[in-house]
Amino acid sequence: MEDIIKSIEAAQMKETVDQFSVGDTVRVYAKIKEGNRERIQVFEGTVLKRQNGGVRETFTVRKNSNGVGVEKTWPLHSPSVERIEVVRRGKVRRAKLNYLRNRVGKASKVKELIR
């Protein structure tokens, strides 16, 4: 039974996944369907967390829009996510950045990792 499930999940995974981690500022190019048309919408923000693994892996991105915090969670292997572009690398020491939800202004920034 487990072999059947693993083969189905392996068929649904993307061949190449963009490399990013928690704390990075990313641009997510997501497909939006409006009626019979499809367009690409860009969502740019800081990655708060990456959860699970395999085909069920999700990631959450947060940005401030007109003074209001907006968070979106996408499945990593979803066909609605066209690509993920890393704008800047963040230097963080934890796996989930939930504390950023309570921060405002410059306090909500993540230090940049210089390589």
C-alpha atoms as a PDB file:
ATOM      1  CA  MET A   1       0.000   0.000   0.000  1.00  0.00           C
ATOM      2  CA  GLU A   2       2.777   2.447   0.877  1.00  0.00           C
ATOM      3  CA  ASP A   3       4.531   1.766  -2.433  1.00  0.00           C
ATOM      4  CA  ILE A   4       1.431   2.839  -4.346  1.00  0.00           C
ATOM      5  CA  ILE A   5       1.155   6.084  -2.383  1.00  0.00           C
ATOM      6  CA  LYS A   6       4.872   6.843  -2.820  1.00  0.00           C
ATOM      7  CA  SER A   7       4.663   6.299  -6.587  1.00  0.00           C
ATOM      8  CA  ILE A   8       1.646   8.612  -6.886  1.00  0.00           C
ATOM      9  CA  GLU A   9       3.370  11.319  -4.820  1.00  0.00           C
ATOM     10  CA  ALA A  10       6.604  10.982  -6.812  1.00  0.00           C
ATOM     11  CA  ALA A  11       4.684  11.594 -10.039  1.00  0.00           C
ATOM     12  CA  GLN A  12       3.239  14.849  -8.641  1.00  0.00           C
ATOM     13  CA  MET A  13       6.544  16.341  -7.469  1.00  0.00           C
ATOM     14  CA  LYS A  14       8.352  18.991  -9.517  1.00  0.00           C
ATOM     15  CA  GLU A  15      11.671  17.974 -11.068  1.00  0.00           C
ATOM     16  CA  THR A  16      13.458  21.178 -10.058  1.00  0.00           C
ATOM     17  CA  VAL A  17      12.642  23.161  -6.934  1.00  0.00           C
ATOM     18  CA  ASP A  18      14.070  26.622  -6.361  1.00  0.00           C
ATOM     19  CA  GLN A  19      16.545  26.758  -3.455  1.00  0.00           C
ATOM     20  CA  PHE A  20      15.483  29.127  -0.686  1.00  0.00           C
ATOM     21  CA  SER A  21      15.332  28.997   3.095  1.00  0.00           C
ATOM     22  CA  VAL A  22      13.632  30.686   6.039  1.00  0.00           C
ATOM     23  CA  GLY A  23      14.449  34.401   6.309  1.00  0.00           C
ATOM     24  CA  ASP A  24      15.007  34.898   2.576  1.00  0.00           C
ATOM     25  CA  THR A  25      13.108  37.578   0.699  1.00  0.00           C
ATOM     26  CA  VAL A  26      11.497  35.900  -2.294  1.00  0.00           C
ATOM     27  CA  ARG A  27       9.251  36.696  -5.242  1.00  0.00           C
ATOM     28  CA  VAL A  28       6.616  34.013  -5.780  1.00  0.00           C
ATOM     29  CA  TYR A  29       5.187  33.921  -9.305  1.00  0.00           C
ATOM     30  CA  ALA A  30       1.716  32.403  -8.834  1.00  0.00           C
ATOM     31  CA  LYS A  31      -0.828  31.576 -11.522  1.00  0.00           C
ATOM     32  CA  ILE A  32      -4.217  33.220 -10.964  1.00  0.00           C
ATOM     33  CA  LYS A  33      -7.252  32.050 -12.905  1.00  0.00           C
ATOM     34  CA  GLU A  34      -9.892  34.695 -13.642  1.00  0.00           C
ATOM     35  CA  GLY A  35     -12.793  33.318 -15.628  1.00  0.00           C
ATOM     36  CA  ASN A  36     -11.280  31.694 -18.697  1.00  0.00           C
ATOM     37  CA  ARG A  37      -8.006  33.660 -18.543  1.00  0.00           C
ATOM     38  CA  GLU A  38      -4.861  32.840 -16.598  1.00  0.00           C
ATOM     39  CA  ARG A  39      -2.268  35.374 -15.474  1.00  0.00           C
ATOM     40  CA  ILE A  40       0.825  35.519 -13.278  1.00  0.00           C
ATOM     41  CA  GLN A  41       0.712  37.477 -10.011  1.00  0.00           C
ATOM     42  CA  VAL A  42       3.897  38.291  -8.108  1.00  0.00           C
ATOM     43  CA  PHE A  43       3.960  38.153  -4.298  1.00  0.00           C
ATOM     44  CA  GLU A  44       7.172  39.440  -2.684  1.00  0.00           C
ATOM     45  CA  GLY A  45       7.947  39.005   0.989  1.00  0.00           C
ATOM     46  CA  THR A  46       9.940  37.228   3.692  1.00  0.00           C
ATOM     47  CA  VAL A  47       9.740  33.462   4.112  1.00  0.00           C
ATOM     48  CA  LEU A  48       8.429  32.780   7.631  1.00  0.00           C
ATOM     49  CA  LYS A  49       8.484  28.990   7.572  1.00  0.00           C
ATOM     50  CA  ARG A  50       8.830  25.796   5.554  1.00  0.00           C
ATOM     51  CA  GLN A  51       6.815  22.840   6.768  1.00  0.00           C
ATOM     52  CA  ASN A  52       6.638  19.097   6.151  1.00  0.00           C
ATOM     53  CA  GLY A  53       8.524  17.371   3.352  1.00  0.00           C
ATOM     54  CA  GLY A  54       8.095  15.633   0.050  1.00  0.00           C
ATOM     55  CA  VAL A  55       5.033  16.455  -2.010  1.00  0.00           C
ATOM     56  CA  ARG A  56       3.241  17.949   1.055  1.00  0.00           C
ATOM     57  CA  GLU A  57       5.884  20.621   1.702  1.00  0.00           C
ATOM     58  CA  THR A  58       4.507  24.147   2.150  1.00  0.00           C
ATOM     59  CA  PHE A  59       6.061  27.556   2.700  1.00  0.00           C
ATOM     60  CA  THR A  60       4.637  30.780   4.109  1.00  0.00           C
ATOM     61  CA  VAL A  61       5.562  34.266   2.849  1.00  0.00           C
ATOM     62  CA  ARG A  62       4.702  37.505   4.666  1.00  0.00           C
ATOM     63  CA  LYS A  63       4.700  41.072   3.373  1.00  0.00           C
ATOM     64  CA  ASN A  64       3.332  44.428   4.474  1.00  0.00           C
ATOM     65  CA  SER A  65       0.727  45.885   2.143  1.00  0.00           C
ATOM     66  CA  ASN A  66      -0.477  49.416   2.958  1.00  0.00           C
ATOM     67  CA  GLY A  67       0.442  48.962   6.617  1.00  0.00           C
ATOM     68  CA  VAL A  68      -1.341  45.611   6.921  1.00  0.00           C
ATOM     69  CA  GLY A  69       0.551  42.334   7.232  1.00  0.00           C
ATOM     70  CA  VAL A  70      -0.405  39.783   4.573  1.00  0.00           C
ATOM     71  CA  GLU A  71       0.620  36.125   4.719  1.00  0.00           C
ATOM     72  CA  LYS A  72       0.166  33.478   2.064  1.00  0.00           C
ATOM     73  CA  THR A  73       0.948  29.787   2.243  1.00  0.00           C
ATOM     74  CA  TRP A  74       1.639  27.746  -0.894  1.00  0.00           C
ATOM     75  CA  PRO A  75       2.396  24.090  -1.491  1.00  0.00           C
ATOM     76  CA  LEU A  76       5.951  23.938  -2.839  1.00  0.00           C
ATOM     77  CA  HIS A  77       5.150  21.411  -5.583  1.00  0.00           C
ATOM     78  CA  SER A  78       1.874  23.054  -6.645  1.00  0.00           C
ATOM     79  CA  PRO A  79       1.285  23.678 -10.357  1.00  0.00           C
ATOM     80  CA  SER A  80      -0.092  27.127  -9.421  1.00  0.00           C
ATOM     81  CA  VAL A  81       3.407  28.224  -8.294  1.00  0.00           C
ATOM     82  CA  GLU A  82       5.308  28.895 -11.504  1.00  0.00           C
ATOM     83  CA  ARG A  83       8.655  29.847  -9.971  1.00  0.00           C
ATOM     84  CA  ILE A  84      10.276  31.293  -6.866  1.00  0.00           C
ATOM     85  CA  GLU A  85      12.961  33.953  -7.212  1.00  0.00           C
ATOM     86  CA  VAL A  86      15.269  34.797  -4.300  1.00  0.00           C
ATOM     87  CA  VAL A  87      15.750  38.560  -3.944  1.00  0.00           C
ATOM     88  CA  ARG A  88      18.012  38.508  -0.869  1.00  0.00           C
ATOM     89  CA  ARG A  89      19.309  35.899   1.534  1.00  0.00           C
ATOM     90  CA  GLY A  90      18.437  36.324   5.199  1.00  0.00           C
ATOM     91  CA  LYS A  91      20.600  35.528   8.212  1.00  0.00           C
ATOM     92  CA  VAL A  92      18.417  33.804  10.796  1.00  0.00           C
ATOM     93  CA  ARG A  93      19.028  31.290  13.569  1.00  0.00           C
ATOM     94  CA  ARG A  94      15.660  29.605  13.823  1.00  0.00           C
ATOM     95  CA  ALA A  95      13.342  27.530  11.657  1.00  0.00           C
ATOM     96  CA  LYS A  96      10.139  29.549  12.075  1.00  0.00           C
ATOM     97  CA  LEU A  97      10.024  33.348  12.266  1.00  0.00           C
ATOM     98  CA  ASN A  98       6.651  33.769  13.990  1.00  0.00           C
ATOM     99  CA  TYR A  99       8.019  36.653  16.055  1.00  0.00           C
ATOM    100  CA  LEU A 100       8.022  38.878  12.930  1.00  0.00           C
ATOM    101  CA  ARG A 101       4.209  39.082  13.137  1.00  0.00           C
ATOM    102  CA  ASN A 102       4.455  41.359  16.185  1.00  0.00           C
ATOM    103  CA  ARG A 103       7.122  43.645  14.735  1.00  0.00           C
ATOM    104  CA  VAL A 104       6.504  46.900  12.865  1.00  0.00           C
ATOM    105  CA  GLY A 105       8.781  48.996  10.653  1.00  0.00           C
ATOM    106  CA  LYS A 106      12.537  48.495  10.793  1.00  0.00           C
ATOM    107  CA  ALA A 107      12.221  46.002  13.645  1.00  0.00           C
ATOM    108  CA  SER A 108      10.566  43.554  11.248  1.00  0.00           C
ATOM    109  CA  LYS A 109      13.618  43.388   8.985  1.00  0.00           C
ATOM    110  CA  VAL A 110      15.893  40.355   8.743  1.00  0.00           C
ATOM    111  CA  LYS A 111      19.663  40.867   8.461  1.00  0.00           C
ATOM    112  CA  GLU A 112      21.111  40.069   5.042  1.00  0.00           C
ATOM    113  CA  LEU A 113      23.480  37.141   4.676  1.00  0.00           C
ATOM    114  CA  ILE A 114      26.600  38.190   2.794  1.00  0.00           C
ATOM    115  CA  ARG A 115      28.454  35.331   1.134  1.00  0.00           C
END
